[in-house]
Protein backbone atom coordinates (compact mmCIF):
# COMPACT_ATOMS: atom_id res chain seq x y z
CA MET A 1 -81.49 -8.10 -28.58
CA PRO A 2 -84.90 -8.67 -30.18
CA ASP A 3 -85.55 -6.39 -33.14
CA SER A 4 -88.79 -4.73 -34.01
CA GLN A 5 -89.94 -7.87 -35.79
CA GLY A 6 -89.30 -10.04 -32.78
CA THR A 7 -86.27 -11.72 -34.26
CA ALA A 8 -83.42 -12.06 -31.89
CA THR A 9 -80.01 -10.90 -33.07
CA ILE A 10 -76.71 -11.14 -31.29
CA ASP A 11 -74.35 -8.19 -31.31
CA LYS A 12 -70.81 -9.18 -32.04
CA PRO A 13 -68.48 -7.91 -29.40
CA ALA A 14 -65.75 -5.58 -30.34
CA THR A 15 -62.45 -7.35 -30.81
CA THR A 16 -59.42 -6.07 -29.08
CA THR A 17 -55.93 -7.06 -30.11
CA GLU A 18 -52.56 -5.90 -28.94
CA THR A 19 -49.78 -5.50 -31.40
CA ALA A 20 -46.28 -4.25 -30.85
CA GLY A 21 -44.85 -1.31 -32.75
CA SER A 22 -48.11 -0.06 -34.29
CA THR A 23 -47.75 3.53 -33.09
CA GLU A 24 -45.81 6.30 -34.63
CA SER A 25 -43.46 6.84 -31.67
CA ALA A 26 -42.47 4.99 -28.48
CA GLY A 27 -43.96 6.11 -25.22
CA THR A 28 -47.55 6.65 -26.47
CA THR A 29 -50.47 4.97 -24.74
CA GLY A 30 -51.70 3.33 -27.95
CA SER A 31 -53.87 4.29 -30.91
CA LYS A 32 -57.50 3.49 -31.59
CA THR A 33 -58.64 2.21 -35.02
CA THR A 34 -62.31 1.75 -35.91
CA THR A 35 -63.23 -1.02 -38.35
CA GLU A 36 -66.50 -2.19 -39.81
CA GLY A 37 -67.64 -5.65 -38.85
CA GLU A 38 -70.79 -7.64 -39.13
CA GLY A 39 -73.46 -6.48 -36.77
CA GLY A 40 -71.71 -3.26 -35.82
CA GLU A 41 -68.50 -1.43 -35.45
CA GLY A 42 -65.48 -3.15 -34.02
CA THR A 43 -62.71 -1.37 -32.23
CA VAL A 44 -59.12 -2.47 -32.50
CA ILE A 45 -56.77 -1.01 -29.90
CA THR A 46 -53.12 -1.19 -30.69
CA LYS A 47 -50.60 -0.85 -27.87
CA ALA A 48 -47.14 0.46 -28.55
CA ALA A 49 -44.11 -1.40 -27.31
CA GLY A 50 -42.24 0.14 -24.42
CA THR A 51 -45.25 1.70 -22.71
CA GLY A 52 -44.84 -0.28 -19.48
CA GLU A 53 -43.84 1.34 -16.23
CA GLY A 54 -40.21 2.44 -16.24
CA GLU A 55 -39.87 1.87 -19.97
CA GLY A 56 -38.92 4.60 -22.35
CA LYS A 57 -36.76 6.33 -19.69
CA PRO A 58 -33.11 7.16 -20.47
CA LYS A 59 -30.72 4.48 -19.25
CA THR A 60 -27.68 5.27 -17.12
CA GLY A 61 -24.50 3.51 -16.10
CA GLU A 62 -23.55 0.32 -17.85
CA GLU A 63 -27.09 -0.02 -19.33
CA GLY A 64 -26.71 3.34 -21.02
CA GLY A 65 -23.28 2.49 -22.37
CA GLU A 66 -21.37 4.65 -19.82
CA LYS A 67 -18.11 3.03 -18.69
CA LYS A 68 -17.61 2.99 -14.93
CA PRO A 69 -14.12 3.90 -13.67
CA GLY A 70 -11.92 0.90 -13.00
CA ALA A 71 -8.43 -0.48 -13.42
CA PRO A 72 -6.39 1.13 -16.20
CA GLU A 73 -4.82 -0.93 -18.94
CA LYS A 74 -1.49 -0.31 -17.23
CA TYR A 75 -0.86 1.40 -13.90
CA ALA A 76 1.32 4.48 -13.91
CA ASP A 77 4.28 4.72 -11.56
CA PHE A 78 3.15 4.95 -7.96
CA LYS A 79 4.44 7.71 -5.69
CA VAL A 80 6.43 6.63 -2.63
CA PRO A 81 8.14 8.71 0.08
CA GLU A 82 11.81 9.57 -0.28
CA GLY A 83 13.98 6.78 1.03
CA VAL A 84 11.40 4.06 0.40
CA THR A 85 12.44 1.51 -2.22
CA VAL A 86 9.87 -0.71 -3.93
CA ASN A 87 10.87 -4.27 -4.76
CA PRO A 88 10.09 -4.93 -8.47
CA GLU A 89 8.61 -8.38 -7.80
CA THR A 90 6.45 -7.03 -4.98
CA LEU A 91 5.26 -4.20 -7.22
CA LYS A 92 4.36 -6.61 -10.00
CA THR A 93 2.35 -8.79 -7.60
CA PHE A 94 0.53 -5.74 -6.23
CA GLN A 95 -0.38 -4.49 -9.71
CA GLU A 96 -1.82 -7.90 -10.60
CA LYS A 97 -3.92 -7.95 -7.43
CA ALA A 98 -5.07 -4.36 -7.93
CA LYS A 99 -6.11 -5.10 -11.50
CA ALA A 100 -8.00 -8.22 -10.39
CA LEU A 101 -9.89 -6.06 -7.89
CA ASN A 102 -10.54 -3.48 -10.64
CA LEU A 103 -8.92 -0.68 -8.60
CA THR A 104 -8.48 2.68 -10.26
CA GLN A 105 -5.08 4.41 -10.27
CA GLU A 106 -6.21 6.58 -7.36
CA GLN A 107 -7.51 3.67 -5.31
CA ALA A 108 -4.33 1.67 -5.86
CA GLN A 109 -2.25 4.71 -4.84
CA GLU A 110 -4.13 4.86 -1.54
CA PHE A 111 -2.99 1.32 -0.76
CA VAL A 112 0.59 2.24 -1.72
CA ASP A 113 0.45 5.27 0.60
CA LEU A 114 -0.81 3.09 3.45
CA GLN A 115 1.96 0.52 2.98
CA SER A 116 4.62 3.24 2.64
CA ALA A 117 3.52 4.81 5.92
CA LEU A 118 3.68 1.40 7.61
CA VAL A 119 7.19 0.72 6.27
CA THR A 120 8.44 4.16 7.35
CA ARG A 121 6.98 3.81 10.85
CA THR A 122 8.34 0.27 11.28
CA ARG A 123 11.80 1.33 10.12
CA GLN A 124 11.89 4.27 12.54
CA GLU A 125 10.77 2.06 15.42
CA ALA A 126 13.60 -0.37 14.60
CA VAL A 127 16.16 2.47 14.55
CA ASP A 128 14.91 3.83 17.87
CA THR A 129 15.03 0.38 19.45
CA PHE A 130 18.60 -0.24 18.26
CA ASN A 131 19.81 3.20 19.38
CA LYS A 132 18.43 2.50 22.84
CA LEU A 133 20.19 -0.86 22.91
CA ARG A 134 23.43 0.70 21.68
CA GLY A 135 23.24 3.24 24.47
CA GLU A 136 23.00 0.40 26.98
CA TRP A 137 26.05 -1.27 25.40
CA LYS A 138 28.03 1.96 25.63
CA SER A 139 27.16 2.42 29.26
CA GLU A 140 28.31 -1.08 30.20
CA SER A 141 31.47 -0.82 28.06
CA GLU A 142 32.46 2.46 29.71
CA LYS A 143 32.16 0.79 33.10
CA LEU A 144 34.52 -1.93 31.89
CA MET A 145 37.06 0.60 30.67
CA LYS A 146 36.92 2.63 33.87
CA ALA A 147 37.69 -0.52 35.82
CA GLN A 148 40.95 -0.96 33.88
CA PRO A 149 44.19 0.70 34.96
CA GLU A 150 45.51 3.45 32.71
CA LYS A 151 48.14 1.11 31.31
CA SER A 152 45.49 -1.40 30.22
CA ILE A 153 43.52 1.31 28.44
CA GLY A 154 46.56 2.10 26.33
CA LEU A 155 47.03 -1.59 25.53
CA VAL A 156 43.42 -1.82 24.32
CA ALA A 157 44.17 0.85 21.72
CA GLN A 158 47.42 -0.92 20.83
CA ALA A 159 45.52 -4.18 20.27
CA ARG A 160 43.07 -2.35 18.06
CA ASP A 161 45.83 -0.95 15.88
CA LYS A 162 47.64 -4.28 15.69
CA PHE A 163 44.78 -6.67 14.93
CA ALA A 164 41.94 -4.64 13.41
CA THR A 165 42.10 -3.31 9.87
CA PRO A 166 40.75 0.16 9.10
CA GLU A 167 37.81 -1.48 7.35
CA LEU A 168 36.95 -3.56 10.43
CA ILE A 169 37.18 -0.53 12.68
CA LYS A 170 34.82 1.34 10.36
CA ILE A 171 32.33 -1.55 10.39
CA LEU A 172 32.41 -1.82 14.17
CA ASP A 173 31.97 1.93 14.50
CA GLU A 174 29.15 2.41 11.98
CA SER A 175 27.22 -0.73 12.96
CA GLY A 176 27.43 0.01 16.65
CA LEU A 177 28.87 -3.42 17.38
CA GLY A 178 32.08 -1.78 18.56
CA ASP A 179 30.13 -0.48 21.55
CA HIS A 180 29.13 -3.98 22.61
CA PRO A 181 30.76 -4.88 25.93
CA GLU A 182 31.88 -8.26 24.58
CA MET A 183 33.81 -6.53 21.81
CA VAL A 184 35.46 -4.27 24.41
CA ARG A 185 36.34 -7.32 26.52
CA LEU A 186 37.97 -8.89 23.44
CA PHE A 187 40.24 -5.90 22.89
CA ILE A 188 41.08 -5.79 26.61
CA LYS A 189 42.24 -9.42 26.45
CA LEU A 190 44.16 -8.80 23.24
CA GLY A 191 45.83 -5.84 24.88
CA GLY A 192 46.87 -7.99 27.82
CA ALA A 193 48.31 -10.60 25.45
CA ILE A 194 50.69 -8.10 23.83
CA ALA A 195 51.55 -6.25 27.04
CA ASP A 196 55.12 -4.97 27.33
CA ASP A 197 56.92 -2.30 29.25
CA THR A 198 55.74 0.47 26.90
CA VAL A 199 52.42 2.15 27.61
CA VAL A 200 50.51 3.22 24.54
CA ASP A 201 47.84 5.85 25.15
CA GLY A 202 45.81 5.05 22.06
CA GLY A 203 46.49 8.36 20.37
CA LYS A 204 44.61 10.51 22.85
CA GLY A 205 46.30 12.02 25.82
CA GLY A 206 44.97 13.05 29.22
CA GLY A 207 41.48 13.06 30.65
CA GLU A 208 38.95 10.31 31.12
CA ARG A 209 38.29 8.29 28.02
CA SER A 210 35.36 6.10 27.13
CA ALA A 211 35.56 2.78 25.33
CA ALA A 212 34.55 4.52 22.12
CA ASP A 213 37.25 7.18 22.57
CA VAL A 214 39.93 4.53 22.89
CA LEU A 215 38.77 2.06 20.26
CA TYR A 216 37.31 4.54 17.74
CA PRO A 217 39.01 7.93 18.25
CA SER A 218 37.54 9.30 15.01
CA GLN A 219 33.96 8.49 16.02
CA GLY A 220 33.23 11.90 17.53
CA GLN A 221 34.80 13.77 14.62
CA LYS A 222 31.97 13.09 12.11
């Protein structure tokens, strides 16, 4: 501006600089420092680091150093229902997969519970299916035995005692294969092959007897 003597002077603008870390504590909006300069006062504004939006707030999670739950160094023994056996190789493979997926002990146990329930249900369905099939075998075998004369029934038991060891009889009884009509037919033929004038009643006298009664007299005594 022109002064009183008509001489033009130019005011020097105030200089503003930003420097990091010039405040006493983080989170302040800056500090103002006044300095003398030619032609007037200059103002230097210093801005503290970390004064931007969202800065200076406490960090959480991984940024704050907190460790999120994940896979343990080594999984503890998993709980399985009674009667369920875990294959060691299968368990090892599962643990490796669970660790790769960063599953916690609790999360991995949930998968074990799910698989255990599936195994138990599948096993029970298989047992029910076989028991139904065994019942059908028994029904057909009993029809075969009823069609045989009393003498032939005795010879079936005689053939059993002559050709089958106690171990084989036990296997046929416990597995249910002894109820299969083809097995009954086999003993009927064997009985006919050793037929003689003596009638053997198979160790059980009187009354109507089923194929199981004749071939496995101890079956109903368990």
